Protein backbone atom coordinates (compact mmCIF):
# COMPACT_ATOMS: atom_id res chain seq x y z
CA MET A 1 105.28 111.12 117.91
CA TYR A 2 103.17 109.02 115.53
CA ASN A 3 100.01 107.11 116.42
CA THR A 4 100.55 103.42 115.59
CA ASP A 5 96.83 102.60 115.56
CA ILE A 6 96.04 105.34 113.07
CA LEU A 7 98.91 104.37 110.76
CA LEU A 8 98.04 100.66 110.93
CA ASN A 9 94.42 101.40 110.06
CA ASP A 10 95.60 103.56 107.18
CA PHE A 11 97.75 100.67 105.95
CA ALA A 12 94.83 98.24 106.11
CA ILE A 13 92.51 100.60 104.24
CA ARG A 14 94.88 101.82 101.54
CA SER A 15 96.84 98.59 100.95
CA PHE A 16 93.90 96.20 101.18
CA ARG A 17 90.46 97.81 100.88
CA ASP A 18 91.32 100.43 98.26
CA VAL A 19 93.23 97.89 96.16
CA ALA A 20 90.37 95.41 96.59
CA ASP A 21 87.98 98.05 95.24
CA CYS A 22 90.15 98.28 92.12
CA ASP A 23 90.35 94.48 91.78
CA TYR A 24 86.56 94.36 92.07
CA ILE A 25 86.07 96.83 89.22
CA ALA A 26 88.65 94.95 87.13
CA ALA A 27 86.76 91.70 87.76
CA ARG A 28 83.52 93.31 86.57
CA LEU A 29 85.23 94.52 83.41
CA SER A 30 86.61 91.03 82.76
CA PHE A 31 83.18 89.47 83.19
CA ARG A 32 81.68 91.96 80.75
CA ALA A 33 84.39 91.03 78.24
CA GLN A 34 83.70 87.29 78.84
CA LEU A 35 87.20 86.75 80.22
CA VAL A 36 86.13 84.15 82.76
CA PRO A 37 89.53 82.99 84.12
CA GLN A 38 90.56 86.63 84.63
CA PHE A 39 87.22 87.37 86.30
CA LEU A 40 87.69 84.48 88.70
CA TRP A 41 91.26 85.45 89.64
CA GLN A 42 90.44 89.14 90.10
CA SER A 43 87.33 88.28 92.14
CA LEU A 44 89.41 86.07 94.42
CA GLN A 45 91.98 88.84 94.79
CA ALA A 46 89.32 91.38 95.71
CA ILE A 47 87.62 89.20 98.33
CA GLU A 48 90.99 88.15 99.78
CA LYS A 49 92.01 91.79 100.30
CA TYR A 50 88.67 92.76 101.86
CA LEU A 51 89.08 89.90 104.32
CA LYS A 52 92.67 90.85 105.13
CA CYS A 53 91.59 94.46 105.65
CA ILE A 54 88.98 93.30 108.16
CA LEU A 55 91.55 91.14 109.96
CA VAL A 56 94.14 93.91 110.23
CA LEU A 57 91.62 96.54 111.32
CA ASN A 58 90.61 94.20 114.13
CA ARG A 59 94.22 93.30 114.97
CA ILE A 60 93.91 89.65 114.00
CA LYS A 61 96.91 88.07 112.30
CA ALA A 62 96.06 87.07 108.74
CA PRO A 63 97.03 83.51 107.72
CA ARG A 64 99.66 83.29 105.01
CA SER A 65 97.17 82.06 102.47
CA HIS A 66 95.03 83.00 99.48
CA ASP A 67 92.36 80.59 100.75
CA LEU A 68 89.22 82.62 101.47
CA SER A 69 87.80 80.04 103.84
CA LYS A 70 90.96 80.12 105.98
CA LEU A 71 90.87 83.92 106.14
CA LEU A 72 87.21 83.93 107.12
CA ASP A 73 87.84 81.16 109.68
CA ALA A 74 90.64 83.23 111.24
CA PHE A 75 88.19 86.01 111.90
CA GLU A 76 85.39 83.76 113.11
CA GLN A 77 87.74 81.99 115.53
CA SER A 78 88.63 85.36 117.06
CA LYS A 79 84.98 85.69 118.17
CA LYS A 80 85.30 89.46 117.77
CA PHE A 81 81.87 89.84 116.17
CA GLU A 82 79.76 88.19 113.51
CA VAL A 83 80.37 88.97 109.85
CA ARG A 84 76.89 88.53 108.42
CA LEU A 85 77.14 86.82 105.03
CA SER A 86 74.31 85.16 103.14
CA SER A 87 74.44 81.45 102.32
CA ASP A 88 74.82 82.31 98.63
CA THR A 89 77.87 84.45 99.40
CA HIS A 90 79.41 81.59 101.38
CA LYS A 91 78.84 79.33 98.35
CA PHE A 92 80.34 81.93 96.02
CA LEU A 93 83.48 82.16 98.17
CA GLN A 94 83.80 78.38 97.97
CA TYR A 95 83.43 78.62 94.19
CA LEU A 96 86.24 81.19 94.04
CA ASP A 97 88.42 79.05 96.31
CA THR A 98 87.94 76.15 93.89
CA TYR A 99 88.36 77.93 90.56
CA GLY A 100 89.72 81.42 91.18
CA ARG A 101 93.18 80.56 92.47
CA PHE A 102 94.50 79.11 89.19
CA ARG A 103 96.31 81.74 87.15
CA TYR A 104 97.88 79.52 84.51
CA TYR A 105 94.90 77.48 83.30
CA GLU A 106 96.04 74.48 85.34
CA THR A 107 92.45 73.24 85.73
CA PRO A 108 89.11 73.54 83.92
CA TYR A 109 86.74 76.40 84.68
CA TYR A 110 83.05 77.10 84.28
CA SER A 111 80.65 80.00 84.55
CA MET A 112 76.87 79.71 84.70
CA GLY A 113 76.43 83.38 83.76
CA ASP A 114 75.19 84.74 87.11
CA GLU A 115 78.58 85.17 88.77
CA LEU A 116 78.65 88.94 88.33
CA PHE A 117 75.53 89.35 90.48
CA ARG A 118 76.99 86.97 93.06
CA LEU A 119 80.25 88.92 93.14
CA ASP A 120 78.40 92.22 93.61
CA THR A 121 76.46 90.74 96.52
CA ALA A 122 79.56 89.21 98.13
CA VAL A 123 81.49 92.48 97.88
CA TRP A 124 78.60 94.53 99.29
CA GLU A 125 78.07 92.15 102.21
CA LEU A 126 81.76 91.86 103.11
CA ARG A 127 83.00 95.38 102.35
CA ARG A 128 80.75 97.05 104.93
CA TYR A 129 82.97 95.41 107.60
CA ALA A 130 86.18 96.66 105.96
CA ARG A 131 86.20 99.88 107.93
CA VAL A 132 87.09 100.95 111.45
CA LEU A 133 84.24 99.68 113.61
CA ASP A 134 85.81 99.25 117.03
CA TYR A 135 86.71 102.70 118.34
CA ASN A 136 85.99 104.99 121.27
CA MET A 137 84.49 108.46 121.26
CA LYS A 138 84.09 110.98 124.05
CA PRO A 139 81.35 113.57 123.57
CA PRO A 140 81.94 117.05 125.02
CA GLY A 141 81.47 116.84 128.75
CA GLY A 142 80.54 113.19 128.56
CA THR A 143 82.05 109.78 129.20
CA GLU A 144 84.08 107.90 126.61
CA VAL A 145 82.05 105.14 124.94
CA ASN A 146 82.88 102.32 122.53
CA LEU A 147 80.95 102.47 119.25
CA LEU A 148 81.46 98.93 117.95
CA ALA A 149 77.90 97.83 118.76
CA LEU A 150 76.51 100.97 117.10
CA GLU A 151 78.54 100.43 113.92
CA LEU A 152 77.50 96.78 113.73
CA LYS A 153 73.87 97.86 114.03
CA ARG A 154 74.44 100.24 111.12
CA ASN A 155 75.67 97.29 109.05
CA GLU A 156 72.60 95.26 109.98
CA ARG A 157 70.18 98.10 109.22
CA ALA A 158 71.73 98.44 105.76
CA GLU A 159 70.30 95.01 104.92
CA THR A 160 66.76 96.40 105.19
CA LYS A 161 67.39 99.37 102.89
CA ALA A 162 68.41 99.90 99.29
CA PRO A 163 72.05 98.76 99.07
CA GLN A 164 73.04 101.98 97.30
CA GLU A 165 72.24 103.92 100.48
CA PHE A 166 75.17 102.38 102.35
CA SER A 167 78.51 104.08 101.81
CA ILE A 168 81.94 104.23 103.40
CA MET A 169 83.38 107.68 104.00
CA GLY A 170 86.55 108.05 101.95
CA GLY A 171 86.08 104.72 100.18
CA HIS A 172 87.55 104.30 96.71
CA LEU A 173 84.30 103.00 95.22
CA GLU A 174 82.50 106.02 96.65
CA LYS A 175 85.06 108.32 95.02
CA VAL A 176 84.54 106.58 91.68
CA LEU A 177 80.76 106.90 91.98
CA GLY A 178 81.08 110.55 92.94
CA LYS A 179 82.79 111.55 89.68
CA SER A 180 80.63 111.18 86.59
CA ASP A 181 83.72 111.32 84.36
CA HIS A 182 85.82 108.84 86.34
CA PRO A 183 87.37 106.27 83.92
CA SER A 184 86.34 103.36 86.20
CA ARG A 185 82.77 104.47 86.79
CA ALA A 186 81.18 102.76 83.79
CA GLY A 187 82.76 99.44 84.73
CA LEU A 188 81.50 99.75 88.29
CA VAL A 189 77.87 100.70 87.63
CA TRP A 190 77.26 98.42 84.61
CA HIS A 191 74.31 96.17 85.61
CA ASN A 192 75.18 96.67 89.26
CA LEU A 193 72.33 96.14 91.75
CA LYS A 194 74.47 96.98 94.78
CA PHE A 195 76.63 100.01 93.94
CA GLY A 196 75.48 103.15 92.17
CA LYS A 197 74.06 106.61 92.63
CA ARG A 198 70.48 105.53 92.03
CA ARG A 199 68.38 102.64 93.27
CA ARG A 200 67.98 99.66 91.02
CA THR A 201 65.59 96.79 91.65
CA SER A 202 66.47 94.81 88.52
CA VAL A 203 68.84 94.65 85.58
CA SER A 204 68.79 92.55 82.45
CA TYR A 205 71.46 91.22 80.18
CA THR A 206 72.09 88.09 78.15
CA ARG A 207 73.16 85.30 80.49
CA THR A 208 75.87 83.20 78.87
CA SER A 209 77.39 80.06 80.35
CA MET A 210 81.03 79.39 79.51
CA SER A 211 83.57 76.72 80.34
CA GLY A 212 86.96 75.46 79.27
CA ASN A 213 89.12 72.38 79.65
CA SER A 214 92.75 73.06 80.49
CA PRO A 215 95.59 71.33 78.58
CA LEU A 216 96.46 69.17 81.60
CA SER A 217 92.84 68.12 82.12
CA LEU A 218 92.78 66.89 78.51
CA HIS A 219 96.25 65.31 78.64
CA PRO A 220 97.30 64.53 82.22
CA GLU A 221 99.94 62.19 80.82
CA ILE A 222 102.21 65.18 80.09
CA LEU A 223 102.35 66.14 83.78
CA ASP A 224 105.94 64.99 84.37
CA GLU A 225 107.17 66.84 81.30
CA VAL A 226 105.42 70.01 82.42
CA LEU A 227 106.97 69.73 85.90
CA LYS A 228 110.45 69.79 84.37
CA TYR A 229 109.88 73.42 83.45
CA VAL A 230 107.21 74.98 85.70
CA PHE A 231 105.91 74.76 89.26
CA LEU A 232 102.39 73.46 89.89
CA PRO A 233 100.55 73.41 93.24
CA LYS A 234 100.87 70.17 95.15
CA ASP A 235 97.15 69.41 95.12
CA VAL A 236 97.02 69.93 91.34
CA VAL A 237 99.93 67.54 90.82
CA GLU A 238 98.33 64.89 93.02
CA ALA A 239 94.98 65.23 91.27
CA TYR A 240 96.49 64.73 87.82
CA ARG A 241 98.68 61.85 88.98
CA ASN A 242 95.56 60.10 90.21
CA ALA A 243 93.86 60.80 86.90
CA VAL A 244 96.49 59.01 84.80
């Protein structure tokens, strides 16, 4: 007889958190290579999967959406517990919702050059909740107790320590960090203030701002011709119709 709770938690961790860890590393590699649209899309994918992992682990139905604000709202409306995110992380999620969801260069994009640090912070803050927090344990000869409050305190205490001290047992990022010859390790630790084997208080690299205007933003008059051959999101179509 199989344990549904164990298998569902395994699904949430392996299908969402572990894949999100890989998307996160891929986003960092794209940023390093100055591939801004790819960085934005991969960052959105990573954050979306961390959020869906948290929802499934807490048995909250995930909205059928790539919208990060809707996913976060679904959890907050459950009133299960507070996911402590900084104001800058909330702003970064809004930035990804605005620019990260476009895979085909439908709209312009911009980068001020600090997005890698903001992604690292957002992932660190959110990922600590992407683990089993609400569970019971019965010590030998004792009474069964629920450890949710204890695990949430652990998350809060992590905010007062070096971020590298916090780790998730069995996490994919932890496995990458644990192998000095892992192919993904260099991409993960490059200028990373949140994840690594040693404490870092600062990093330095050349900050470069980048932006681009999409073909439709330059020539919205071709919208109807484009729509003969490809699908565009409704809000994009409406925006360009209003621009003509």
